[in-house]
Amino acid sequence: MNEFKAFSNDEISKELKNLDQWNFNKDSMEISKTFTFKGYYKTIAFVNSIAWQAQKHNHHPDLVVSFGKCTVSLTTHDVDGLSYKDFQMANIIDSLSF
């Protein structure tokens, strides 16, 4: 599978079915999900876990952090759209337990 090929809308729809509560924004060509936590510390621990995984997989999401919440957005800038790497990272992030 080519990690640096932009997915078609059909491929995006198919991949979204395999994710839990991720949303697709066609205008920005990204997928996003908001995670909620009890308190700021758990939110930051989650963010640190994402940072570690992002570095390991060389794919870095945008993160918006507030008290008890973190919104994660993924896109592949190199292809101006969504690619295999975005859906792989979404699954990795979903597997983090907090």
PDB file of N, CA and C in Angstrom:
ATOM      1  N   MET A   1       0.848  -1.178   0.000  1.00  0.00           N
ATOM      2  CA  MET A   1       0.000   0.000   0.000  1.00  0.00           C
ATOM      3  C   MET A   1       0.894   1.242   0.000  1.00  0.00           C
ATOM      4  N   ASN A   2       0.570   2.200  -0.863  1.00  0.00           N
ATOM      5  CA  ASN A   2       1.341   3.428  -0.959  1.00  0.00           C
ATOM      6  C   ASN A   2       0.911   4.396   0.131  1.00  0.00           C
ATOM      7  N   GLU A   3       1.784   4.646   1.092  1.00  0.00           N
ATOM      8  CA  GLU A   3       1.469   5.529   2.216  1.00  0.00           C
ATOM      9  C   GLU A   3       1.343   6.982   1.790  1.00  0.00           C
ATOM     10  N   PHE A   4       1.878   7.329   0.633  1.00  0.00           N
ATOM     11  CA  PHE A   4       1.893   8.724   0.209  1.00  0.00           C
ATOM     12  C   PHE A   4       0.990   8.985  -0.990  1.00  0.00           C
ATOM     13  N   LYS A   5      -0.046   8.188  -1.133  1.00  0.00           N
ATOM     14  CA  LYS A   5      -1.046   8.394  -2.172  1.00  0.00           C
ATOM     15  C   LYS A   5      -2.311   8.916  -1.507  1.00  0.00           C
ATOM     16  N   ALA A   6      -2.844   9.999  -2.043  1.00  0.00           N
ATOM     17  CA  ALA A   6      -4.094  10.528  -1.484  1.00  0.00           C
ATOM     18  C   ALA A   6      -5.230   9.554  -1.769  1.00  0.00           C
ATOM     19  N   PHE A   7      -6.054   9.335  -0.764  1.00  0.00           N
ATOM     20  CA  PHE A   7      -7.209   8.464  -0.915  1.00  0.00           C
ATOM     21  C   PHE A   7      -8.321   9.187  -1.663  1.00  0.00           C
ATOM     22  N   SER A   8      -9.085   8.428  -2.425  1.00  0.00           N
ATOM     23  CA  SER A   8     -10.287   8.953  -3.080  1.00  0.00           C
ATOM     24  C   SER A   8     -11.394   9.070  -2.033  1.00  0.00           C
ATOM     25  N   ASN A   9     -12.469   9.763  -2.371  1.00  0.00           N
ATOM     26  CA  ASN A   9     -13.607   9.872  -1.441  1.00  0.00           C
ATOM     27  C   ASN A   9     -14.176   8.507  -1.101  1.00  0.00           C
ATOM     28  N   ASP A  10     -14.201   7.583  -2.063  1.00  0.00           N
ATOM     29  CA  ASP A  10     -14.693   6.223  -1.792  1.00  0.00           C
ATOM     30  C   ASP A  10     -13.790   5.499  -0.798  1.00  0.00           C
ATOM     31  N   GLU A  11     -12.487   5.649  -0.965  1.00  0.00           N
ATOM     32  CA  GLU A  11     -11.547   5.013  -0.036  1.00  0.00           C
ATOM     33  C   GLU A  11     -11.678   5.620   1.361  1.00  0.00           C
ATOM     34  N   ILE A  12     -11.874   6.922   1.430  1.00  0.00           N
ATOM     35  CA  ILE A  12     -12.047   7.592   2.720  1.00  0.00           C
ATOM     36  C   ILE A  12     -13.297   7.070   3.415  1.00  0.00           C
ATOM     37  N   SER A  13     -14.393   6.978   2.680  1.00  0.00           N
ATOM     38  CA  SER A  13     -15.651   6.466   3.259  1.00  0.00           C
ATOM     39  C   SER A  13     -15.482   5.050   3.785  1.00  0.00           C
ATOM     40  N   LYS A  14     -14.795   4.234   3.031  1.00  0.00           N
ATOM     41  CA  LYS A  14     -14.558   2.843   3.446  1.00  0.00           C
ATOM     42  C   LYS A  14     -13.720   2.794   4.724  1.00  0.00           C
ATOM     43  N   GLU A  15     -12.647   3.575   4.783  1.00  0.00           N
ATOM     44  CA  GLU A  15     -11.775   3.574   5.950  1.00  0.00           C
ATOM     45  C   GLU A  15     -12.466   4.142   7.184  1.00  0.00           C
ATOM     46  N   LEU A  16     -13.313   5.156   6.998  1.00  0.00           N
ATOM     47  CA  LEU A  16     -14.032   5.753   8.132  1.00  0.00           C
ATOM     48  C   LEU A  16     -14.929   4.742   8.833  1.00  0.00           C
ATOM     49  N   LYS A  17     -15.451   3.781   8.095  1.00  0.00           N
ATOM     50  CA  LYS A  17     -16.317   2.751   8.683  1.00  0.00           C
ATOM     51  C   LYS A  17     -15.560   1.887   9.684  1.00  0.00           C
ATOM     52  N   ASN A  18     -14.245   1.850   9.550  1.00  0.00           N
ATOM     53  CA  ASN A  18     -13.418   1.048  10.454  1.00  0.00           C
ATOM     54  C   ASN A  18     -12.950   1.825  11.680  1.00  0.00           C
ATOM     55  N   LEU A  19     -13.299   3.110  11.742  1.00  0.00           N
ATOM     56  CA  LEU A  19     -12.896   3.952  12.869  1.00  0.00           C
ATOM     57  C   LEU A  19     -14.099   4.245  13.759  1.00  0.00           C
ATOM     58  N   ASP A  20     -13.823   4.504  15.023  1.00  0.00           N
ATOM     59  CA  ASP A  20     -14.867   4.797  16.005  1.00  0.00           C
ATOM     60  C   ASP A  20     -15.005   6.298  16.214  1.00  0.00           C
ATOM     61  N   GLN A  21     -16.047   6.879  15.676  1.00  0.00           N
ATOM     62  CA  GLN A  21     -16.431   8.273  15.909  1.00  0.00           C
ATOM     63  C   GLN A  21     -15.444   9.316  15.384  1.00  0.00           C
ATOM     64  N   TRP A  22     -14.714   8.995  14.348  1.00  0.00           N
ATOM     65  CA  TRP A  22     -13.892   9.987  13.675  1.00  0.00           C
ATOM     66  C   TRP A  22     -14.748  10.666  12.614  1.00  0.00           C
ATOM     67  N   ASN A  23     -14.533  11.962  12.427  1.00  0.00           N
ATOM     68  CA  ASN A  23     -15.312  12.754  11.479  1.00  0.00           C
ATOM     69  C   ASN A  23     -14.428  13.201  10.322  1.00  0.00           C
ATOM     70  N   PHE A  24     -15.011  13.262   9.147  1.00  0.00           N
ATOM     71  CA  PHE A  24     -14.304  13.696   7.950  1.00  0.00           C
ATOM     72  C   PHE A  24     -14.749  15.100   7.573  1.00  0.00           C
ATOM     73  N   ASN A  25     -13.794  15.998   7.402  1.00  0.00           N
ATOM     74  CA  ASN A  25     -14.065  17.352   6.944  1.00  0.00           C
ATOM     75  C   ASN A  25     -13.544  17.458   5.522  1.00  0.00           C
ATOM     76  N   LYS A  26     -14.467  17.477   4.564  1.00  0.00           N
ATOM     77  CA  LYS A  26     -14.085  17.487   3.149  1.00  0.00           C
ATOM     78  C   LYS A  26     -13.370  18.781   2.760  1.00  0.00           C
ATOM     79  N   ASP A  27     -13.749  19.909   3.379  1.00  0.00           N
ATOM     80  CA  ASP A  27     -13.124  21.193   3.038  1.00  0.00           C
ATOM     81  C   ASP A  27     -11.644  21.216   3.408  1.00  0.00           C
ATOM     82  N   SER A  28     -11.310  20.704   4.576  1.00  0.00           N
ATOM     83  CA  SER A  28      -9.911  20.709   5.011  1.00  0.00           C
ATOM     84  C   SER A  28      -9.203  19.386   4.713  1.00  0.00           C
ATOM     85  N   MET A  29      -9.947  18.416   4.208  1.00  0.00           N
ATOM     86  CA  MET A  29      -9.407  17.086   3.901  1.00  0.00           C
ATOM     87  C   MET A  29      -8.662  16.505   5.104  1.00  0.00           C
ATOM     88  N   GLU A  30      -9.402  16.432   6.218  1.00  0.00           N
ATOM     89  CA  GLU A  30      -8.828  15.848   7.423  1.00  0.00           C
ATOM     90  C   GLU A  30      -9.895  15.049   8.158  1.00  0.00           C
ATOM     91  N   ILE A  31      -9.412  14.149   8.995  1.00  0.00           N
ATOM     92  CA  ILE A  31     -10.298  13.445   9.918  1.00  0.00           C
ATOM     93  C   ILE A  31      -9.969  13.944  11.314  1.00  0.00           C
ATOM     94  N   SER A  32     -10.988  13.984  12.168  1.00  0.00           N
ATOM     95  CA  SER A  32     -10.764  14.464  13.531  1.00  0.00           C
ATOM     96  C   SER A  32     -11.686  13.755  14.508  1.00  0.00           C
ATOM     97  N   LYS A  33     -11.267  13.822  15.756  1.00  0.00           N
ATOM     98  CA  LYS A  33     -12.035  13.229  16.838  1.00  0.00           C
ATOM     99  C   LYS A  33     -11.688  13.961  18.127  1.00  0.00           C
ATOM    100  N   THR A  34     -12.706  14.181  18.968  1.00  0.00           N
ATOM    101  CA  THR A  34     -12.481  14.801  20.268  1.00  0.00           C
ATOM    102  C   THR A  34     -12.563  13.738  21.350  1.00  0.00           C
ATOM    103  N   PHE A  35     -11.535  13.685  22.166  1.00  0.00           N
ATOM    104  CA  PHE A  35     -11.445  12.755  23.284  1.00  0.00           C
ATOM    105  C   PHE A  35     -11.678  13.543  24.566  1.00  0.00           C
ATOM    106  N   THR A  36     -12.408  12.962  25.506  1.00  0.00           N
ATOM    107  CA  THR A  36     -12.650  13.645  26.782  1.00  0.00           C
ATOM    108  C   THR A  36     -12.076  12.833  27.936  1.00  0.00           C
ATOM    109  N   PHE A  37     -11.650  13.557  28.974  1.00  0.00           N
ATOM    110  CA  PHE A  37     -10.993  12.956  30.131  1.00  0.00           C
ATOM    111  C   PHE A  37     -11.457  13.635  31.398  1.00  0.00           C
ATOM    112  N   LYS A  38     -11.248  12.962  32.508  1.00  0.00           N
ATOM    113  CA  LYS A  38     -11.532  13.545  33.820  1.00  0.00           C
ATOM    114  C   LYS A  38     -10.285  14.282  34.281  1.00  0.00           C
ATOM    115  N   GLY A  39     -10.224  15.550  33.976  1.00  0.00           N
ATOM    116  CA  GLY A  39      -9.116  16.375  34.438  1.00  0.00           C
ATOM    117  C   GLY A  39      -8.062  16.657  33.397  1.00  0.00           C
ATOM    118  N   TYR A  40      -7.293  17.668  33.712  1.00  0.00           N
ATOM    119  CA  TYR A  40      -6.251  18.154  32.815  1.00  0.00           C
ATOM    120  C   TYR A  40      -5.069  17.186  32.735  1.00  0.00           C
ATOM    121  N   TYR A  41      -4.683  16.607  33.856  1.00  0.00           N
ATOM    122  CA  TYR A  41      -3.520  15.724  33.879  1.00  0.00           C
ATOM    123  C   TYR A  41      -3.695  14.545  32.923  1.00  0.00           C
ATOM    124  N   LYS A  42      -4.870  13.911  32.941  1.00  0.00           N
ATOM    125  CA  LYS A  42      -5.102  12.770  32.045  1.00  0.00           C
ATOM    126  C   LYS A  42      -5.089  13.219  30.583  1.00  0.00           C
ATOM    127  N   THR A  43      -5.582  14.426  30.336  1.00  0.00           N
ATOM    128  CA  THR A  43      -5.555  14.957  28.973  1.00  0.00           C
ATOM    129  C   THR A  43      -4.114  15.105  28.491  1.00  0.00           C
ATOM    130  N   ILE A  44      -3.271  15.667  29.331  1.00  0.00           N
ATOM    131  CA  ILE A  44      -1.868  15.873  28.959  1.00  0.00           C
ATOM    132  C   ILE A  44      -1.130  14.539  28.832  1.00  0.00           C
ATOM    133  N   ALA A  45      -1.454  13.584  29.651  1.00  0.00           N
ATOM    134  CA  ALA A  45      -0.850  12.243  29.525  1.00  0.00           C
ATOM    135  C   ALA A  45      -1.220  11.631  28.173  1.00  0.00           C
ATOM    136  N   PHE A  46      -2.467  11.818  27.756  1.00  0.00           N
ATOM    137  CA  PHE A  46      -2.927  11.344  26.446  1.00  0.00           C
ATOM    138  C   PHE A  46      -2.143  12.042  25.331  1.00  0.00           C
ATOM    139  N   VAL A  47      -2.000  13.352  25.433  1.00  0.00           N
ATOM    140  CA  VAL A  47      -1.253  14.118  24.442  1.00  0.00           C
ATOM    141  C   VAL A  47       0.189  13.624  24.358  1.00  0.00           C
ATOM    142  N   ASN A  48       0.810  13.373  25.499  1.00  0.00           N
ATOM    143  CA  ASN A  48       2.187  12.865  25.502  1.00  0.00           C
ATOM    144  C   ASN A  48       2.277  11.494  24.844  1.00  0.00           C
ATOM    145  N   SER A  49       1.271  10.659  25.043  1.00  0.00           N
ATOM    146  CA  SER A  49       1.254   9.339  24.400  1.00  0.00           C
ATOM    147  C   SER A  49       1.122   9.481  22.879  1.00  0.00           C
ATOM    148  N   ILE A  50       0.292  10.415  22.458  1.00  0.00           N
ATOM    149  CA  ILE A  50       0.165  10.676  21.019  1.00  0.00           C
ATOM    150  C   ILE A  50       1.499  11.168  20.453  1.00  0.00           C
ATOM    151  N   ALA A  51       2.138  12.072  21.165  1.00  0.00           N
ATOM    152  CA  ALA A  51       3.413  12.617  20.699  1.00  0.00           C
ATOM    153  C   ALA A  51       4.448  11.510  20.511  1.00  0.00           C
ATOM    154  N   TRP A  52       4.496  10.585  21.449  1.00  0.00           N
ATOM    155  CA  TRP A  52       5.445   9.472  21.349  1.00  0.00           C
ATOM    156  C   TRP A  52       5.147   8.620  20.115  1.00  0.00           C
ATOM    157  N   GLN A  53       3.865   8.277  19.923  1.00  0.00           N
ATOM    158  CA  GLN A  53       3.472   7.466  18.765  1.00  0.00           C
ATOM    159  C   GLN A  53       3.706   8.219  17.453  1.00  0.00           C
ATOM    160  N   ALA A  54       3.411   9.508  17.446  1.00  0.00           N
ATOM    161  CA  ALA A  54       3.597  10.323  16.244  1.00  0.00           C
ATOM    162  C   ALA A  54       5.063  10.333  15.822  1.00  0.00           C
ATOM    163  N   GLN A  55       5.940  10.485  16.787  1.00  0.00           N
ATOM    164  CA  GLN A  55       7.366  10.486  16.482  1.00  0.00           C
ATOM    165  C   GLN A  55       7.811   9.112  15.982  1.00  0.00           C
ATOM    166  N   LYS A  56       7.320   8.081  16.629  1.00  0.00           N
ATOM    167  CA  LYS A  56       7.672   6.704  16.259  1.00  0.00           C
ATOM    168  C   LYS A  56       7.250   6.392  14.821  1.00  0.00           C
ATOM    169  N   HIS A  57       6.078   6.884  14.416  1.00  0.00           N
ATOM    170  CA  HIS A  57       5.517   6.577  13.095  1.00  0.00           C
ATOM    171  C   HIS A  57       5.736   7.700  12.078  1.00  0.00           C
ATOM    172  N   ASN A  58       6.432   8.752  12.496  1.00  0.00           N
ATOM    173  CA  ASN A  58       6.719   9.893  11.631  1.00  0.00           C
ATOM    174  C   ASN A  58       5.455  10.446  10.956  1.00  0.00           C
ATOM    175  N   HIS A  59       4.424  10.610  11.775  1.00  0.00           N
ATOM    176  CA  HIS A  59       3.176  11.203  11.278  1.00  0.00           C
ATOM    177  C   HIS A  59       2.548  11.965  12.443  1.00  0.00           C
ATOM    178  N   HIS A  60       2.483  13.274  12.314  1.00  0.00           N
ATOM    179  CA  HIS A  60       2.189  14.143  13.452  1.00  0.00           C
ATOM    180  C   HIS A  60       0.839  14.838  13.301  1.00  0.00           C
ATOM    181  N   PRO A  61      -0.119  14.512  14.158  1.00  0.00           N
ATOM    182  CA  PRO A  61      -1.439  15.140  14.084  1.00  0.00           C
ATOM    183  C   PRO A  61      -1.427  16.548  14.673  1.00  0.00           C
ATOM    184  N   ASP A  62      -2.436  17.313  14.310  1.00  0.00           N
ATOM    185  CA  ASP A  62      -2.683  18.584  14.978  1.00  0.00           C
ATOM    186  C   ASP A  62      -3.497  18.285  16.228  1.00  0.00           C
ATOM    187  N   LEU A  63      -3.156  18.948  17.331  1.00  0.00           N
ATOM    188  CA  LEU A  63      -3.825  18.721  18.607  1.00  0.00           C
ATOM    189  C   LEU A  63      -4.327  20.043  19.167  1.00  0.00           C
ATOM    190  N   VAL A  64      -5.570  20.047  19.616  1.00  0.00           N
ATOM    191  CA  VAL A  64      -6.130  21.194  20.326  1.00  0.00           C
ATOM    192  C   VAL A  64      -6.473  20.689  21.721  1.00  0.00           C
ATOM    193  N   VAL A  65      -5.831  21.290  22.729  1.00  0.00           N
ATOM    194  CA  VAL A  65      -5.941  20.805  24.100  1.00  0.00           C
ATOM    195  C   VAL A  65      -6.650  21.837  24.960  1.00  0.00           C
ATOM    196  N   SER A  66      -7.609  21.370  25.748  1.00  0.00           N
ATOM    197  CA  SER A  66      -8.253  22.207  26.753  1.00  0.00           C
ATOM    198  C   SER A  66      -8.517  21.328  27.971  1.00  0.00           C
ATOM    199  N   PHE A  67      -9.083  21.904  29.013  1.00  0.00           N
ATOM    200  CA  PHE A  67      -9.303  21.143  30.242  1.00  0.00           C
ATOM    201  C   PHE A  67     -10.230  19.960  29.974  1.00  0.00           C
ATOM    202  N   GLY A  68      -9.703  18.757  30.135  1.00  0.00           N
ATOM    203  CA  GLY A  68     -10.497  17.545  29.982  1.00  0.00           C
ATOM    204  C   GLY A  68     -10.843  17.177  28.552  1.00  0.00           C
ATOM    205  N   LYS A  69     -10.183  17.817  27.581  1.00  0.00           N
ATOM    206  CA  LYS A  69     -10.506  17.553  26.174  1.00  0.00           C
ATOM    207  C   LYS A  69      -9.281  17.680  25.290  1.00  0.00           C
ATOM    208  N   CYS A  70      -9.234  16.842  24.265  1.00  0.00           N
ATOM    209  CA  CYS A  70      -8.208  16.954  23.230  1.00  0.00           C
ATOM    210  C   CYS A  70      -8.841  16.593  21.892  1.00  0.00           C
ATOM    211  N   THR A  71      -8.764  17.513  20.945  1.00  0.00           N
ATOM    212  CA  THR A  71      -9.236  17.227  19.591  1.00  0.00           C
ATOM    213  C   THR A  71      -8.025  16.925  18.728  1.00  0.00           C
ATOM    214  N   VAL A  72      -8.073  15.785  18.063  1.00  0.00           N
ATOM    215  CA  VAL A  72      -6.991  15.304  17.214  1.00  0.00           C
ATOM    216  C   VAL A  72      -7.442  15.419  15.765  1.00  0.00           C
ATOM    217  N   SER A  73      -6.601  16.018  14.930  1.00  0.00           N
ATOM    218  CA  SER A  73      -6.897  16.137  13.494  1.00  0.00           C
ATOM    219  C   SER A  73      -5.731  15.560  12.704  1.00  0.00           C
ATOM    220  N   LEU A  74      -6.074  14.792  11.693  1.00  0.00           N
ATOM    221  CA  LEU A  74      -5.063  14.130  10.865  1.00  0.00           C
ATOM    222  C   LEU A  74      -5.276  14.442   9.393  1.00  0.00           C
ATOM    223  N   THR A  75      -4.191  14.707   8.701  1.00  0.00           N
ATOM    224  CA  THR A  75      -4.161  14.849   7.251  1.00  0.00           C
ATOM    225  C   THR A  75      -2.726  14.582   6.817  1.00  0.00           C
ATOM    226  N   THR A  76      -2.530  14.307   5.551  1.00  0.00           N
ATOM    227  CA  THR A  76      -1.182  14.097   5.027  1.00  0.00           C
ATOM    228  C   THR A  76      -0.846  15.288   4.147  1.00  0.00           C
ATOM    229  N   HIS A  77      -0.046  16.189   4.666  1.00  0.00           N
ATOM    230  CA  HIS A  77       0.281  17.419   3.943  1.00  0.00           C
ATOM    231  C   HIS A  77       1.009  17.135   2.630  1.00  0.00           C
ATOM    232  N   ASP A  78       1.805  16.078   2.584  1.00  0.00           N
ATOM    233  CA  ASP A  78       2.574  15.757   1.375  1.00  0.00           C
ATOM    234  C   ASP A  78       1.685  15.430   0.178  1.00  0.00           C
ATOM    235  N   VAL A  79       0.447  14.990   0.433  1.00  0.00           N
ATOM    236  CA  VAL A  79      -0.458  14.637  -0.674  1.00  0.00           C
ATOM    237  C   VAL A  79      -1.684  15.542  -0.718  1.00  0.00           C
ATOM    238  N   ASP A  80      -1.715  16.551   0.151  1.00  0.00           N
ATOM    239  CA  ASP A  80      -2.861  17.468   0.224  1.00  0.00           C
ATOM    240  C   ASP A  80      -4.179  16.722   0.378  1.00  0.00           C
ATOM    241  N   GLY A  81      -4.188  15.761   1.267  1.00  0.00           N
ATOM    242  CA  GLY A  81      -5.397  14.980   1.506  1.00  0.00           C
ATOM    243  C   GLY A  81      -5.156  13.918   2.552  1.00  0.00           C
ATOM    244  N   LEU A  82      -5.985  12.909   2.515  1.00  0.00           N
ATOM    245  CA  LEU A  82      -5.871  11.801   3.460  1.00  0.00           C
ATOM    246  C   LEU A  82      -5.184  10.622   2.796  1.00  0.00           C
ATOM    247  N   SER A  83      -4.380   9.934   3.585  1.00  0.00           N
ATOM    248  CA  SER A  83      -3.658   8.771   3.084  1.00  0.00           C
ATOM    249  C   SER A  83      -3.751   7.634   4.098  1.00  0.00           C
ATOM    250  N   TYR A  84      -3.139   6.535   3.742  1.00  0.00           N
ATOM    251  CA  TYR A  84      -3.062   5.376   4.628  1.00  0.00           C
ATOM    252  C   TYR A  84      -2.528   5.756   6.008  1.00  0.00           C
ATOM    253  N   LYS A  85      -1.533   6.649   6.033  1.00  0.00           N
ATOM    254  CA  LYS A  85      -0.899   7.021   7.299  1.00  0.00           C
ATOM    255  C   LYS A  85      -1.889   7.656   8.273  1.00  0.00           C
ATOM    256  N   ASP A  86      -2.858   8.419   7.762  1.00  0.00           N
ATOM    257  CA  ASP A  86      -3.841   9.063   8.639  1.00  0.00           C
ATOM    258  C   ASP A  86      -4.722   8.029   9.330  1.00  0.00           C
ATOM    259  N   PHE A  87      -5.171   7.060   8.586  1.00  0.00           N
ATOM    260  CA  PHE A  87      -6.047   6.043   9.168  1.00  0.00           C
ATOM    261  C   PHE A  87      -5.264   5.091  10.072  1.00  0.00           C
ATOM    262  N   GLN A  88      -4.013   4.826   9.727  1.00  0.00           N
ATOM    263  CA  GLN A  88      -3.152   4.025  10.599  1.00  0.00           C
ATOM    264  C   GLN A  88      -2.959   4.748  11.935  1.00  0.00           C
ATOM    265  N   MET A  89      -2.675   6.056  11.882  1.00  0.00           N
ATOM    266  CA  MET A  89      -2.454   6.814  13.111  1.00  0.00           C
ATOM    267  C   MET A  89      -3.740   6.931  13.918  1.00  0.00           C
ATOM    268  N   ALA A  90      -4.882   7.083  13.257  1.00  0.00           N
ATOM    269  CA  ALA A  90      -6.164   7.140  13.975  1.00  0.00           C
ATOM    270  C   ALA A  90      -6.389   5.853  14.756  1.00  0.00           C
ATOM    271  N   ASN A  91      -6.085   4.724  14.159  1.00  0.00           N
ATOM    272  CA  ASN A  91      -6.235   3.445  14.863  1.00  0.00           C
ATOM    273  C   ASN A  91      -5.265   3.336  16.036  1.00  0.00           C
ATOM    274  N   ILE A  92      -4.065   3.817  15.853  1.00  0.00           N
ATOM    275  CA  ILE A  92      -3.087   3.797  16.958  1.00  0.00           C
ATOM    276  C   ILE A  92      -3.580   4.667  18.096  1.00  0.00           C
ATOM    277  N   ILE A  93      -4.073   5.863  17.787  1.00  0.00           N
ATOM    278  CA  ILE A  93      -4.556   6.772  18.812  1.00  0.00           C
ATOM    279  C   ILE A  93      -5.766   6.162  19.536  1.00  0.00           C
ATOM    280  N   ASP A  94      -6.661   5.550  18.787  1.00  0.00           N
ATOM    281  CA  ASP A  94      -7.818   4.896  19.410  1.00  0.00           C
ATOM    282  C   ASP A  94      -7.410   3.763  20.347  1.00  0.00           C
ATOM    283  N   SER A  95      -6.254   3.146  20.082  1.00  0.00           N
ATOM    284  CA  SER A  95      -5.830   2.011  20.911  1.00  0.00           C
ATOM    285  C   SER A  95      -5.199   2.450  22.239  1.00  0.00           C
ATOM    286  N   LEU A  96      -4.877   3.750  22.358  1.00  0.00           N
ATOM    287  CA  LEU A  96      -4.306   4.239  23.612  1.00  0.00           C
ATOM    288  C   LEU A  96      -5.392   4.182  24.677  1.00  0.00           C
ATOM    289  N   SER A  97      -5.065   3.667  25.847  1.00  0.00           N
ATOM    290  CA  SER A  97      -6.088   3.547  26.892  1.00  0.00           C
ATOM    291  C   SER A  97      -5.846   4.546  28.011  1.00  0.00           C
ATOM    292  N   PHE A  98      -6.906   5.298  28.307  1.00  0.00           N
ATOM    293  CA  PHE A  98      -6.835   6.305  29.374  1.00  0.00           C
ATOM    294  C   PHE A  98      -8.131   6.328  30.131  1.00  0.00           C
TER     295      PHE A  98
END
